[in-house]
Protein backbone atom coordinates (compact mmCIF):
# COMPACT_ATOMS: atom_id res chain seq x y z
CA UNK A 1 302.55 77.16 220.45
CA UNK A 2 306.08 77.69 221.82
CA UNK A 3 304.72 79.65 224.80
CA UNK A 4 302.27 76.91 225.65
CA UNK A 5 305.04 74.21 225.57
CA UNK A 6 307.31 76.42 227.69
CA UNK A 7 304.52 76.98 230.22
CA UNK A 8 303.85 73.22 230.42
CA UNK A 9 307.55 72.57 230.93
CA UNK A 10 307.69 75.08 233.79
CA UNK A 11 304.61 73.52 235.40
CA UNK A 12 306.18 70.04 235.07
CA UNK A 13 309.42 71.19 236.70
CA UNK A 14 307.47 72.89 239.50
CA UNK A 15 305.43 69.74 240.15
CA UNK A 16 308.57 67.60 240.15
CA UNK A 17 310.18 69.94 242.67
CA UNK A 18 307.14 69.82 244.96
CA UNK A 19 307.01 66.03 244.69
CA UNK A 20 310.69 65.80 245.62
CA UNK A 21 310.29 68.11 248.62
CA UNK A 22 307.23 66.22 249.77
CA UNK A 23 308.80 62.73 249.52
CA UNK A 24 309.21 60.85 252.80
CA UNK A 25 312.61 61.12 254.43
CA UNK A 26 314.33 57.93 255.44
CA UNK A 27 315.00 58.17 259.17
CA UNK A 28 317.70 56.24 260.96
CA UNK A 29 316.54 53.65 263.45
CA UNK A 30 316.63 55.16 266.96
CA UNK A 31 318.53 52.08 268.23
CA UNK A 32 321.56 52.62 265.95
CA UNK A 33 324.75 53.23 267.91
CA UNK A 34 328.52 53.31 267.66
CA UNK A 35 330.41 50.49 269.38
CA UNK A 36 333.90 51.59 270.49
CA UNK A 37 336.76 49.42 271.68
CA UNK A 38 338.29 51.49 274.47
CA UNK A 39 340.30 48.53 275.75
CA UNK A 40 343.74 47.19 274.83
CA UNK A 41 342.39 43.87 273.54
CA UNK A 42 341.30 43.00 270.02
CA UNK A 43 337.52 42.39 269.93
CA UNK A 44 336.77 39.53 267.56
CA UNK A 45 333.06 38.98 268.27
CA UNK A 46 330.26 41.31 269.27
CA UNK A 47 326.64 40.40 269.92
CA UNK A 48 323.65 42.67 270.46
CA UNK A 49 320.30 41.20 271.41
CA UNK A 50 317.08 42.42 272.97
CA UNK A 51 317.25 41.96 276.75
CA UNK A 52 314.10 39.82 276.57
CA UNK A 53 315.86 37.23 274.36
CA UNK A 54 317.90 34.27 275.61
CA UNK A 55 319.93 33.75 272.41
CA UNK A 56 322.80 36.06 271.48
CA UNK A 57 322.18 35.61 267.75
CA UNK A 58 324.85 36.34 265.14
CA UNK A 59 328.19 38.09 265.57
CA UNK A 60 327.62 41.63 264.28
CA UNK A 61 331.28 42.05 263.35
CA UNK A 62 331.23 39.09 260.96
CA UNK A 63 334.79 38.50 259.74
CA UNK A 64 335.93 41.95 260.96
CA UNK A 65 337.64 42.68 264.25
CA UNK A 66 337.65 45.81 266.37
CA UNK A 67 341.18 46.90 267.25
CA UNK A 68 341.87 49.09 270.31
CA UNK A 69 340.50 52.63 269.80
CA UNK A 70 338.47 51.58 266.75
CA UNK A 71 334.71 51.98 266.38
CA UNK A 72 331.98 50.30 264.37
CA UNK A 73 328.48 51.53 263.59
CA UNK A 74 325.74 49.12 264.62
CA UNK A 75 322.65 49.60 262.47
CA UNK A 76 319.22 48.15 263.01
CA UNK A 77 316.42 47.57 260.53
CA UNK A 78 313.33 49.56 261.44
CA UNK A 79 311.33 46.58 260.23
CA UNK A 80 312.84 43.80 262.32
CA UNK A 81 310.82 41.88 264.88
CA UNK A 82 312.29 43.92 267.73
CA UNK A 83 311.35 47.36 266.34
CA UNK A 84 310.22 49.53 269.24
CA UNK A 85 312.24 47.57 271.81
CA UNK A 86 314.83 49.73 273.57
CA UNK A 87 316.63 47.54 276.13
CA UNK A 88 319.47 45.44 274.73
CA UNK A 89 322.29 43.28 276.07
CA UNK A 90 325.74 43.52 274.48
CA UNK A 91 328.52 40.91 274.60
CA UNK A 92 332.04 41.33 273.22
CA UNK A 93 334.78 38.69 273.05
CA UNK A 94 338.50 39.27 272.78
CA UNK A 95 340.93 37.24 270.69
CA UNK A 96 342.23 35.45 273.80
CA UNK A 97 338.75 34.57 275.10
CA UNK A 98 338.13 37.67 277.22
CA UNK A 99 334.46 38.62 277.54
CA UNK A 100 332.66 41.81 278.42
CA UNK A 101 328.92 42.20 279.01
CA UNK A 102 326.53 45.12 279.29
CA UNK A 103 322.94 44.36 280.25
CA UNK A 104 319.82 46.47 279.79
CA UNK A 105 321.39 49.18 277.63
CA UNK A 106 318.70 51.65 276.52
CA UNK A 107 319.61 51.94 272.84
CA UNK A 108 316.72 54.33 272.21
CA UNK A 109 318.56 56.92 274.31
CA UNK A 110 322.18 55.91 273.67
CA UNK A 111 324.27 56.75 270.62
CA UNK A 112 327.54 55.15 271.68
CA UNK A 113 328.76 52.23 273.76
CA UNK A 114 332.40 51.86 274.79
CA UNK A 115 334.01 48.74 276.22
CA UNK A 116 337.06 49.47 278.43
């Protein structure tokens, strides 16, 4: 009886291990990138929108700011309405009203964007 229970336990552990190895891996969205402030200004707002859109949408920094030489990770949801779109426009604003724009950034092939 003990041998049978031990054998069933080993089979259960083996099946659990195979199930764990076979589980789908969560992949990062290919559009994710690091936004770096390479300037001497404090960035207070940052907007990232598909190049086909006319609205900048929400500030991705929220209440945070990006000090000189700081970086922030910009993460996309693989399930948003723009999934599969690669070209994006990026706008940053400084605390004194300065603005910087980048248009048509291919985020599918870019892992970092630096404003200088």
